[in-house]
Amino acid sequence: MVKLGKTDLSINPIGLGTNAVGGHNLYPNLDEQQGVDMVKAAIDEGVNFLDTAYAYGPGRSEELVGQAIRESGKRHEVVLATKGANTSDGGKSNRPDFLKEAVDSSLNRLGLDHIDLYYIHFPDEDTPKYEAVGALQELKEAGKIRAIGVSNFSMEQLKEANQDGYVDAIQEHYNLFERGAEQTYFPYTKENGISFVPFFPFASGLLAGEYDENTTFPEGDLRLNKPEFQGDAFKENVRKVNELKPIADSYGIDVAQLVLAFYIHHDAIDAVIPGAKRKEQVLHNNKAGKVNLDKKTIERIDQLFS
């Protein structure tokens, strides 16, 4: 277990992203009971850092994750993060009154009396960010939330949001192919005790070692629009990932576990939240938290994906 940033929240560094639990607007043909059972299995395994959002479902993920937490009988062990900013008409709002209502709505869907970490999921265009975070600070003081986060905020927006020192975590895009955060966010977050939580840690499966250079994707697949999946770049990326396989073998793990272990060895990252659809994936990912990479391995991976 580690502390999340400057908070008193104690978390397993390998968490669980739950957008495939009730996220019917993101994934077709989801089995809701399978999702609930997966979350309960994760909690039983000690994967206590759960991440959801109003946008998944919308709202249905919060309902199912809350159900799983209640049925587990281990609410006191769980650190639950959820997110809000999406309006019912498809817009985004960071207005203090809207965020206060959004937190109450999330609590109602979750069926819980508090949220451990509440993120502003997306910035809007006109609300001063320190005012938005100030509203969450009021909710923290009222006991409705325990920690404050922001997501998809630019560096400038993060600094504005944190002008009173209230931000505890930021969730942003980061993986071995997308390392810009090391120069933009990490110096500031480390200096200010803000935990950086990466999303897309496997780069849509590329860093899980799932593809070879001949892999193709069907028309309409979102990966077709991503630069890391284009032409020669895709082949080069697959080559790099293949170089991770003998390193993983030397630790008795696979590439996905090696990648997760690499992330949590970074002093700016307290936890990662890989998504899953089945409990076997959760148990597999959780093993990465027990892997102790030596300095030479970290340097080798760092150079390979520099």
Protein backbone atom coordinates (compact mmCIF):
# COMPACT_ATOMS: atom_id res chain seq x y z
CA MET A 1 0.00 0.00 0.00
CA VAL A 2 1.09 3.57 -0.71
CA LYS A 3 -0.29 7.01 0.13
CA LEU A 4 -2.05 8.89 -2.65
CA GLY A 5 -0.09 12.14 -2.92
CA LYS A 6 -0.44 14.31 0.18
CA THR A 7 -3.73 12.69 1.24
CA ASP A 8 -4.31 10.13 3.97
CA LEU A 9 -5.73 7.66 1.44
CA SER A 10 -3.89 4.33 1.46
CA ILE A 11 -4.06 2.55 -1.90
CA ASN A 12 -2.86 -0.49 -3.77
CA PRO A 13 -0.68 1.04 -6.54
CA ILE A 14 -2.42 -1.23 -9.05
CA GLY A 15 -5.98 0.04 -9.20
CA LEU A 16 -8.93 -0.75 -11.43
CA GLY A 17 -10.55 1.42 -14.08
CA THR A 18 -14.23 0.49 -14.35
CA ASN A 19 -15.46 2.12 -17.56
CA ALA A 20 -16.31 -1.40 -18.78
CA VAL A 21 -18.56 -1.90 -15.75
CA GLY A 22 -21.85 -0.44 -16.92
CA GLY A 23 -20.23 1.75 -19.55
CA HIS A 24 -22.73 0.77 -22.20
CA ASN A 25 -22.07 3.98 -24.13
CA LEU A 26 -18.42 2.91 -24.49
CA TYR A 27 -18.60 -0.85 -24.98
CA PRO A 28 -21.30 -2.97 -26.64
CA ASN A 29 -22.83 -6.06 -25.04
CA LEU A 30 -21.51 -5.62 -21.51
CA ASP A 31 -22.56 -8.20 -18.93
CA GLU A 32 -23.50 -6.17 -15.84
CA GLN A 33 -23.35 -9.07 -13.38
CA GLN A 34 -19.91 -10.01 -14.69
CA GLY A 35 -18.83 -6.42 -14.04
CA VAL A 36 -20.15 -6.44 -10.48
CA ASP A 37 -18.50 -9.80 -9.78
CA MET A 38 -15.21 -8.49 -11.19
CA VAL A 39 -15.23 -5.47 -8.88
CA LYS A 40 -16.00 -7.66 -5.86
CA ALA A 41 -13.18 -10.03 -6.83
CA ALA A 42 -10.83 -7.05 -7.14
CA ILE A 43 -11.71 -5.85 -3.64
CA ASP A 44 -11.22 -9.36 -2.23
CA GLU A 45 -7.79 -9.44 -3.91
CA GLY A 46 -6.80 -6.15 -2.25
CA VAL A 47 -7.24 -4.02 -5.38
CA ASN A 48 -8.82 -1.23 -3.38
CA PHE A 49 -8.35 1.83 -5.65
CA LEU A 50 -11.42 1.89 -7.92
CA ASP A 51 -11.99 4.51 -10.61
CA THR A 52 -15.34 5.31 -12.21
CA ALA A 53 -17.20 8.36 -13.56
CA TYR A 54 -20.67 9.68 -14.31
CA ALA A 55 -19.70 9.66 -18.02
CA TYR A 56 -19.54 5.85 -18.05
CA GLY A 57 -23.07 4.70 -18.74
CA PRO A 58 -23.80 7.55 -18.20
CA GLY A 59 -24.26 6.96 -14.50
CA ARG A 60 -24.67 3.21 -14.74
CA SER A 61 -21.05 2.46 -13.87
CA GLU A 62 -21.39 4.36 -10.60
CA GLU A 63 -24.54 2.38 -9.76
CA LEU A 64 -22.89 -0.99 -10.38
CA VAL A 65 -19.57 -0.13 -8.72
CA GLY A 66 -21.45 1.17 -5.69
CA GLN A 67 -23.48 -2.05 -5.61
CA ALA A 68 -20.31 -4.13 -5.72
CA ILE A 69 -18.71 -2.13 -2.90
CA ARG A 70 -21.78 -2.49 -0.70
CA GLU A 71 -22.09 -6.22 -1.41
CA SER A 72 -18.40 -6.76 -0.64
CA GLY A 73 -18.90 -5.60 2.93
CA LYS A 74 -15.50 -3.87 2.72
CA ARG A 75 -16.38 -0.22 2.14
CA HIS A 76 -13.79 0.79 4.76
CA GLU A 77 -11.03 -0.80 2.66
CA VAL A 78 -12.00 0.78 -0.66
CA VAL A 79 -10.68 4.08 -2.01
CA LEU A 80 -13.29 5.07 -4.56
CA ALA A 81 -12.66 7.73 -7.20
CA THR A 82 -15.36 9.11 -9.45
CA LYS A 83 -15.59 12.06 -11.81
CA GLY A 84 -18.09 14.64 -12.95
CA ALA A 85 -18.46 17.67 -15.24
CA ASN A 86 -20.69 16.31 -18.01
CA THR A 87 -24.07 17.98 -18.30
CA SER A 88 -27.25 16.19 -19.38
CA ASP A 89 -27.20 17.97 -22.76
CA GLY A 90 -23.69 16.77 -23.61
CA GLY A 91 -21.83 19.87 -22.45
CA LYS A 92 -19.35 20.39 -19.64
CA SER A 93 -19.61 22.55 -16.54
CA ASN A 94 -17.25 23.36 -13.69
CA ARG A 95 -19.62 25.84 -12.03
CA PRO A 96 -19.56 25.46 -8.24
CA ASP A 97 -23.32 24.92 -7.99
CA PHE A 98 -23.22 22.29 -10.75
CA LEU A 99 -20.32 20.39 -9.16
CA LYS A 100 -22.06 20.33 -5.77
CA GLU A 101 -25.17 18.88 -7.40
CA ALA A 102 -23.03 16.41 -9.37
CA VAL A 103 -21.39 15.11 -6.19
CA ASP A 104 -24.78 14.62 -4.53
CA SER A 105 -26.04 12.79 -7.63
CA SER A 106 -22.97 10.55 -7.67
CA LEU A 107 -23.43 9.73 -3.99
CA ASN A 108 -27.04 8.80 -4.69
CA ARG A 109 -26.10 6.51 -7.59
CA LEU A 110 -23.26 4.93 -5.63
CA GLY A 111 -25.40 4.41 -2.54
CA LEU A 112 -22.49 5.56 -0.36
CA ASP A 113 -22.12 8.31 2.23
CA HIS A 114 -18.85 9.74 0.90
CA ILE A 115 -16.54 9.68 -2.14
CA ASP A 116 -12.83 9.22 -1.43
CA LEU A 117 -11.51 11.09 -4.49
CA TYR A 118 -13.67 13.31 -6.68
CA TYR A 119 -12.27 14.57 -9.98
CA ILE A 120 -13.48 17.38 -12.20
CA HIS A 121 -13.56 15.16 -15.29
CA PHE A 122 -13.14 17.87 -17.93
CA PRO A 123 -12.51 21.63 -17.85
CA ASP A 124 -15.16 23.97 -19.15
CA GLU A 125 -14.35 27.20 -20.97
CA ASP A 126 -15.50 29.89 -18.57
CA THR A 127 -15.40 28.83 -14.89
CA PRO A 128 -12.30 29.99 -12.98
CA LYS A 129 -10.67 26.74 -11.96
CA TYR A 130 -9.86 27.84 -8.41
CA GLU A 131 -13.58 28.55 -7.91
CA ALA A 132 -14.48 25.05 -9.11
CA VAL A 133 -11.92 23.44 -6.80
CA GLY A 134 -13.02 25.77 -4.00
CA ALA A 135 -16.50 24.26 -4.23
CA LEU A 136 -15.02 20.78 -3.89
CA GLN A 137 -13.00 21.96 -0.89
CA GLU A 138 -16.29 22.98 0.77
CA LEU A 139 -17.62 19.48 0.10
CA LYS A 140 -14.43 18.02 1.55
CA GLU A 141 -14.87 20.05 4.70
CA ALA A 142 -18.48 18.83 4.86
CA GLY A 143 -17.30 15.20 4.70
CA LYS A 144 -18.87 14.36 1.34
CA ILE A 145 -15.49 13.84 -0.36
CA ARG A 146 -12.04 13.12 1.08
CA ALA A 147 -9.74 14.30 -1.72
CA ILE A 148 -9.89 16.53 -4.80
CA GLY A 149 -8.74 15.74 -8.32
CA VAL A 150 -8.84 17.18 -11.82
CA SER A 151 -8.64 15.40 -15.17
CA ASN A 152 -7.86 16.49 -18.73
CA PHE A 153 -6.62 19.86 -17.40
CA SER A 154 -3.79 21.66 -19.16
CA MET A 155 -0.77 22.65 -17.12
CA GLU A 156 -2.05 26.23 -16.93
CA GLN A 157 -5.48 25.05 -15.79
CA LEU A 158 -3.91 22.81 -13.16
CA LYS A 159 -1.91 25.71 -11.72
CA GLU A 160 -5.02 27.89 -11.65
CA ALA A 161 -7.02 25.10 -10.00
CA ASN A 162 -4.31 24.58 -7.38
CA GLN A 163 -3.69 28.20 -6.46
CA ASP A 164 -4.91 27.48 -2.91
CA GLY A 165 -3.14 24.11 -2.71
CA TYR A 166 -6.35 22.05 -2.69
CA VAL A 167 -5.66 19.67 -5.61
CA ASP A 168 -4.58 16.17 -4.53
CA ALA A 169 -4.48 14.29 -7.85
CA ILE A 170 -4.53 14.79 -11.59
CA GLN A 171 -5.52 12.13 -14.10
CA GLU A 172 -3.88 12.59 -17.47
CA HIS A 173 -2.71 10.81 -20.62
CA TYR A 174 0.59 9.03 -20.08
CA ASN A 175 2.21 5.84 -21.30
CA LEU A 176 5.54 4.72 -22.76
CA PHE A 177 4.59 6.16 -26.16
CA GLU A 178 3.16 9.40 -24.69
CA ARG A 179 5.73 10.68 -22.20
CA GLY A 180 5.26 14.42 -22.54
CA ALA A 181 3.88 14.60 -19.00
CA GLU A 182 7.37 13.93 -17.67
CA GLN A 183 8.40 17.42 -18.80
CA THR A 184 5.09 19.27 -18.41
CA TYR A 185 3.29 17.89 -15.36
CA PHE A 186 5.72 15.85 -13.27
CA PRO A 187 7.99 18.66 -12.00
CA TYR A 188 4.96 20.62 -10.78
CA THR A 189 3.01 17.68 -9.36
CA LYS A 190 6.01 16.36 -7.43
CA GLU A 191 6.80 19.80 -6.02
CA ASN A 192 3.20 20.27 -4.89
CA GLY A 193 2.45 16.77 -3.57
CA ILE A 194 -0.10 16.07 -6.32
CA SER A 195 -0.42 12.44 -7.40
CA PHE A 196 -0.30 11.84 -11.16
CA VAL A 197 -2.65 9.04 -12.23
CA PRO A 198 -2.10 7.92 -15.85
CA PHE A 199 -4.91 6.90 -18.14
CA PHE A 200 -4.45 4.82 -21.34
CA PRO A 201 -1.49 3.02 -19.66
CA PHE A 202 -1.46 0.28 -22.32
CA ALA A 203 -1.93 2.60 -25.34
CA SER A 204 -5.05 0.76 -26.51
CA GLY A 205 -3.42 -2.65 -26.05
CA LEU A 206 -0.20 -1.85 -27.89
CA LEU A 207 1.86 -1.94 -24.69
CA ALA A 208 0.19 -5.13 -23.51
CA GLY A 209 2.05 -7.07 -26.19
CA GLU A 210 -1.19 -8.07 -27.93
CA TYR A 211 -0.23 -7.21 -31.53
CA ASP A 212 2.34 -8.07 -34.18
CA GLU A 213 3.31 -5.97 -37.20
CA ASN A 214 0.72 -7.72 -39.37
CA THR A 215 -2.20 -6.99 -37.05
CA THR A 216 -5.05 -5.13 -38.77
CA PHE A 217 -8.08 -3.36 -37.34
CA PRO A 218 -11.62 -3.18 -38.75
CA GLU A 219 -13.09 -0.09 -40.38
CA GLY A 220 -14.35 2.31 -37.72
CA ASP A 221 -11.98 1.04 -35.01
CA LEU A 222 -10.75 4.01 -32.95
CA ARG A 223 -7.16 2.76 -33.13
CA LEU A 224 -7.05 3.51 -36.85
CA ASN A 225 -6.99 7.24 -36.06
CA LYS A 226 -4.18 7.08 -33.53
CA PRO A 227 -0.66 7.97 -34.77
CA GLU A 228 1.00 5.10 -32.89
CA PHE A 229 -1.06 2.67 -35.00
CA GLN A 230 -0.15 4.18 -38.39
CA GLY A 231 2.01 2.45 -41.02
CA ASP A 232 5.74 2.30 -40.29
CA ALA A 233 5.21 3.90 -36.86
CA PHE A 234 3.03 0.95 -35.86
CA LYS A 235 5.68 -1.55 -37.01
CA GLU A 236 8.40 0.32 -35.10
CA ASN A 237 6.24 0.42 -31.97
CA VAL A 238 5.57 -3.31 -32.19
CA ARG A 239 9.34 -3.87 -32.52
CA LYS A 240 9.95 -1.87 -29.34
CA VAL A 241 7.29 -3.77 -27.43
CA ASN A 242 8.81 -7.06 -28.61
CA GLU A 243 12.10 -5.98 -27.02
CA LEU A 244 10.29 -5.90 -23.69
CA LYS A 245 9.45 -9.60 -23.87
CA PRO A 246 12.87 -11.00 -22.86
CA ILE A 247 13.04 -8.42 -20.06
CA ALA A 248 9.62 -9.55 -18.81
CA ASP A 249 10.67 -13.20 -19.13
CA SER A 250 13.66 -12.55 -16.88
CA TYR A 251 11.26 -11.50 -14.11
CA GLY A 252 8.80 -14.34 -14.76
CA ILE A 253 6.07 -11.92 -15.88
CA ASP A 254 4.58 -10.76 -19.18
CA VAL A 255 4.87 -7.46 -21.02
CA ALA A 256 1.70 -5.92 -19.58
CA GLN A 257 2.84 -6.59 -16.02
CA LEU A 258 6.31 -5.23 -16.80
CA VAL A 259 4.84 -1.99 -18.19
CA LEU A 260 2.64 -1.47 -15.11
CA ALA A 261 5.59 -2.16 -12.82
CA PHE A 262 7.67 0.41 -14.72
CA TYR A 263 5.03 3.11 -14.23
CA ILE A 264 4.70 2.69 -10.48
CA HIS A 265 8.47 2.82 -10.03
CA HIS A 266 8.28 6.46 -11.13
CA ASP A 267 8.28 8.81 -8.14
CA ALA A 268 5.56 10.99 -9.69
CA ILE A 269 3.10 8.10 -10.03
CA ASP A 270 1.48 6.54 -6.96
CA ALA A 271 -0.97 4.32 -8.86
CA VAL A 272 -2.19 3.19 -12.26
CA ILE A 273 -5.77 2.23 -13.07
CA PRO A 274 -5.78 -0.32 -15.92
CA GLY A 275 -9.24 -1.22 -17.11
CA ALA A 276 -10.59 -4.76 -17.17
CA LYS A 277 -13.70 -6.71 -18.11
CA ARG A 278 -12.96 -9.99 -16.33
CA LYS A 279 -11.67 -10.81 -12.86
CA GLU A 280 -8.81 -12.83 -14.39
CA GLN A 281 -7.48 -9.60 -15.91
CA VAL A 282 -7.65 -7.87 -12.52
CA LEU A 283 -5.72 -10.64 -10.79
CA HIS A 284 -3.18 -10.64 -13.63
CA ASN A 285 -2.59 -6.88 -13.43
CA ASN A 286 -2.37 -6.92 -9.64
CA LYS A 287 0.75 -9.11 -9.78
CA ALA A 288 2.63 -6.12 -11.24
CA GLY A 289 2.50 -4.43 -7.84
CA LYS A 290 4.71 -7.15 -6.41
CA VAL A 291 7.45 -6.77 -9.07
CA ASN A 292 10.61 -4.98 -7.96
CA LEU A 293 12.48 -3.76 -11.04
CA ASP A 294 16.20 -3.11 -10.68
CA LYS A 295 17.84 0.11 -11.79
CA LYS A 296 19.33 -1.39 -14.98
CA THR A 297 15.91 -2.61 -16.11
CA ILE A 298 14.31 0.78 -15.52
CA GLU A 299 17.09 2.48 -17.47
CA ARG A 300 16.78 -0.04 -20.33
CA ILE A 301 13.03 0.54 -20.69
CA ASP A 302 13.51 4.29 -20.35
CA GLN A 303 16.06 4.32 -23.19
CA LEU A 304 14.02 2.00 -25.40
CA PHE A 305 11.04 4.39 -25.26
CA SER A 306 12.94 7.65 -24.94
